[in-house]
Protein backbone atom coordinates (compact mmCIF):
# COMPACT_ATOMS: atom_id res chain seq x y z
CA MET A 1 -13.06 62.93 90.28
CA PRO A 2 -14.33 59.71 91.22
CA PHE A 3 -14.08 58.41 87.69
CA LEU A 4 -10.28 58.46 87.99
CA THR A 5 -10.47 55.60 90.41
CA GLU A 6 -12.59 53.52 88.13
CA PRO A 7 -10.67 50.82 86.24
CA GLU A 8 -12.96 51.14 83.25
CA PHE A 9 -11.84 54.74 82.84
CA TRP A 10 -8.19 53.74 82.72
CA VAL A 11 -8.95 50.92 80.36
CA ALA A 12 -10.70 53.43 78.08
CA VAL A 13 -7.78 55.89 78.39
CA GLY A 14 -5.30 53.08 77.64
CA PHE A 15 -7.36 52.00 74.68
CA VAL A 16 -7.57 55.54 73.31
CA LEU A 17 -3.80 55.97 73.79
CA PHE A 18 -3.14 52.62 72.08
CA VAL A 19 -5.35 53.51 69.15
CA GLY A 20 -3.74 56.95 68.99
CA ILE A 21 -0.26 55.42 68.90
CA LEU A 22 -1.37 53.00 66.22
CA VAL A 23 -2.76 55.89 64.17
CA TYR A 24 0.38 57.97 64.79
CA VAL A 25 2.69 55.14 63.71
CA GLY A 26 0.56 54.57 60.58
CA VAL A 27 -0.75 51.09 61.28
CA PRO A 28 -4.14 51.77 59.63
CA LYS A 29 -2.33 52.91 56.48
CA MET A 30 -0.15 49.80 56.62
CA LEU A 31 -3.22 47.63 57.14
CA LEU A 32 -5.05 49.35 54.30
CA SER A 33 -1.94 49.12 52.13
CA ALA A 34 -1.52 45.42 52.96
CA LEU A 35 -5.20 44.79 52.25
CA ASP A 36 -4.95 46.76 49.00
CA ASP A 37 -1.86 44.80 48.00
CA ARG A 38 -3.61 41.58 48.88
CA GLY A 39 -6.66 42.67 46.87
CA LYS A 40 -4.43 43.57 43.91
CA ARG A 41 -2.70 40.18 44.12
CA VAL A 42 -6.05 38.40 44.26
CA GLN A 43 -7.32 40.50 41.34
CA ALA A 44 -4.13 39.74 39.38
CA GLU A 45 -4.55 36.04 40.12
CA LEU A 46 -8.20 36.23 39.03
CA ASP A 47 -7.17 38.04 35.83
CA GLU A 48 -4.46 35.43 35.20
CA ALA A 49 -6.94 32.63 35.83
CA ARG A 50 -9.44 34.27 33.43
CA ARG A 51 -6.70 34.67 30.80
CA LEU A 52 -5.62 31.04 31.23
CA LYS A 53 -9.24 29.92 30.98
CA GLU A 54 -9.67 31.86 27.73
CA GLU A 55 -6.44 30.37 26.35
CA ALA A 56 -7.60 26.89 27.33
CA GLN A 57 -10.93 27.49 25.59
CA LYS A 58 -9.13 28.72 22.47
CA LEU A 59 -6.87 25.67 22.51
CA LEU A 60 -9.86 23.41 23.00
CA ALA A 61 -11.62 25.05 20.06
CA GLU A 62 -8.46 24.68 17.92
CA TYR A 63 -8.09 21.02 18.84
CA LYS A 64 -11.76 20.36 18.11
CA ALA A 65 -11.36 22.06 14.73
CA LYS A 66 -8.23 20.02 14.04
CA GLN A 67 -10.07 16.85 15.06
CA ARG A 68 -12.96 17.68 12.72
CA GLN A 69 -10.45 18.40 9.94
CA ALA A 70 -8.64 15.11 10.64
CA ASP A 71 -11.97 13.27 10.57
CA GLN A 72 -12.82 14.89 7.24
CA GLU A 73 -9.39 14.00 5.86
CA ALA A 74 -9.82 10.41 7.05
CA VAL A 75 -13.21 10.22 5.33
CA ALA A 76 -11.69 11.69 2.16
CA ILE A 77 -8.80 9.21 2.29
CA ILE A 78 -11.22 6.32 2.74
CA GLU A 79 -13.40 7.53 -0.13
CA GLY A 80 -10.31 7.98 -2.31
CA ALA A 81 -9.13 4.48 -1.45
CA LYS A 82 -12.56 3.06 -2.29
CA ALA A 83 -12.59 4.93 -5.60
CA GLU A 84 -9.06 3.75 -6.37
CA ALA A 85 -10.01 0.17 -5.51
CA GLY A 86 -13.05 0.42 -7.80
CA ARG A 87 -10.94 1.86 -10.60
CA ILE A 88 -8.33 -0.87 -10.18
CA ALA A 89 -11.07 -3.53 -10.13
CA ALA A 90 -12.63 -2.13 -13.30
CA GLU A 91 -9.22 -1.87 -14.96
CA THR A 92 -8.39 -5.44 -13.97
CA LYS A 93 -11.76 -6.64 -15.27
CA THR A 94 -11.17 -4.85 -18.57
CA LYS A 95 -7.68 -6.30 -18.90
CA MET A 96 -9.01 -9.78 -18.07
CA GLU A 97 -11.76 -9.45 -20.68
CA GLU A 98 -9.20 -8.29 -23.25
CA PHE A 99 -6.95 -11.22 -22.35
CA VAL A 100 -9.83 -13.69 -22.72
CA ALA A 101 -10.83 -12.06 -26.04
CA ARG A 102 -7.24 -12.31 -27.33
CA ARG A 103 -6.99 -15.93 -26.24
CA THR A 104 -10.36 -16.72 -27.80
CA LYS A 105 -9.36 -15.02 -31.07
CA LEU A 106 -6.03 -16.86 -31.04
CA ALA A 107 -7.82 -20.18 -30.49
CA GLU A 108 -10.33 -19.38 -33.25
CA THR A 109 -7.46 -18.47 -35.59
CA LYS A 110 -5.71 -21.74 -34.82
CA ILE A 111 -8.95 -23.65 -35.38
CA ALA A 112 -9.50 -21.85 -38.71
CA GLN A 113 -5.92 -22.64 -39.75
CA ALA A 114 -6.41 -26.28 -38.76
CA GLU A 115 -9.69 -26.40 -40.75
CA ALA A 116 -8.02 -24.83 -43.78
CA GLN A 117 -5.13 -27.27 -43.50
CA ALA A 118 -7.57 -30.17 -43.20
CA VAL A 119 -9.54 -28.97 -46.23
CA ALA A 120 -6.30 -28.60 -48.20
CA ASP A 121 -5.19 -32.07 -47.10
CA VAL A 122 -8.56 -33.53 -48.11
CA ARG A 123 -8.44 -31.77 -51.47
CA ALA A 124 -4.89 -32.97 -52.07
CA ALA A 125 -5.87 -36.51 -51.11
CA ALA A 126 -8.97 -36.30 -53.34
CA ALA A 127 -6.91 -34.91 -56.21
CA ASP A 128 -4.36 -37.67 -55.79
CA ALA A 129 -7.12 -40.27 -55.61
CA ALA A 130 -8.91 -38.81 -58.65
CA ALA A 131 -5.69 -38.61 -60.60
CA SER A 132 -4.81 -42.14 -59.65
CA ALA A 133 -8.31 -43.40 -60.58
CA ALA A 134 -8.26 -41.46 -63.85
CA GLU A 135 -4.86 -42.87 -64.60
CA LYS A 136 -6.09 -46.44 -64.05
CA ILE A 137 -9.24 -45.92 -66.09
CA LEU A 138 -7.38 -44.35 -68.97
CA LEU A 139 -4.68 -47.00 -68.88
CA GLU A 140 -7.25 -49.73 -69.19
CA SER A 141 -9.34 -48.05 -71.87
CA VAL A 142 -6.75 -46.32 -74.00
CA LYS A 143 -3.55 -48.00 -75.16
CA GLY A 144 -0.41 -46.87 -76.87
CA LYS A 145 1.15 -43.50 -77.51
CA VAL A 146 -2.13 -41.55 -77.55
CA ALA A 147 -3.08 -43.04 -74.21
CA ASP A 148 0.17 -42.04 -72.64
CA ASP A 149 -0.17 -38.41 -73.86
CA LEU A 150 -3.79 -38.17 -72.70
CA VAL A 151 -2.99 -39.59 -69.29
CA THR A 152 -0.08 -37.26 -68.73
CA ARG A 153 -2.07 -34.18 -69.82
CA GLY A 154 -5.14 -35.20 -67.79
CA ILE A 155 -3.14 -35.78 -64.65
CA ALA A 156 -1.51 -32.38 -65.00
CA ASP A 157 -4.91 -30.68 -65.59
CA VAL A 158 -6.51 -32.39 -62.61
CA LYS A 159 -3.64 -31.48 -60.31
CA THR A 160 -3.70 -27.82 -61.32
CA LYS A 161 -7.46 -27.49 -61.01
CA LEU A 162 -7.78 -29.23 -57.65
CA ASN A 163 -4.83 -27.57 -55.94
């Protein structure tokens, strides 16, 4: 048995015994179990990362939708403000035109009243002048009681017809 003196033989026997003890104690099962546990943890972490990624994508989509909605609302608010400003401008223009028309009509009314007053004043002055002239003419041409009656009646007629 020359192989019993060979160190390689004893190394091989020691190795086989070591591996046998490891198998007997259950080290391969522990290693496989530890590797399986590690694989499960890695898989769970990958699943969690995938779930978090999907949540982040959903949140991103929601925020983009909210941003689009906010942009649309801002555009609608701006358009509403422009429309309101236009309406207010038109309303103000209408009110200003009505104000100017009222003022113009008031001024025209005052002018018409002043013209009517002036015409009445001129007529009154003309009637007074005519009555005064008629009185002088009749006084010079007619004398006595008849003249006085004619003058009085004529003055009264002229005043009633001219006023």
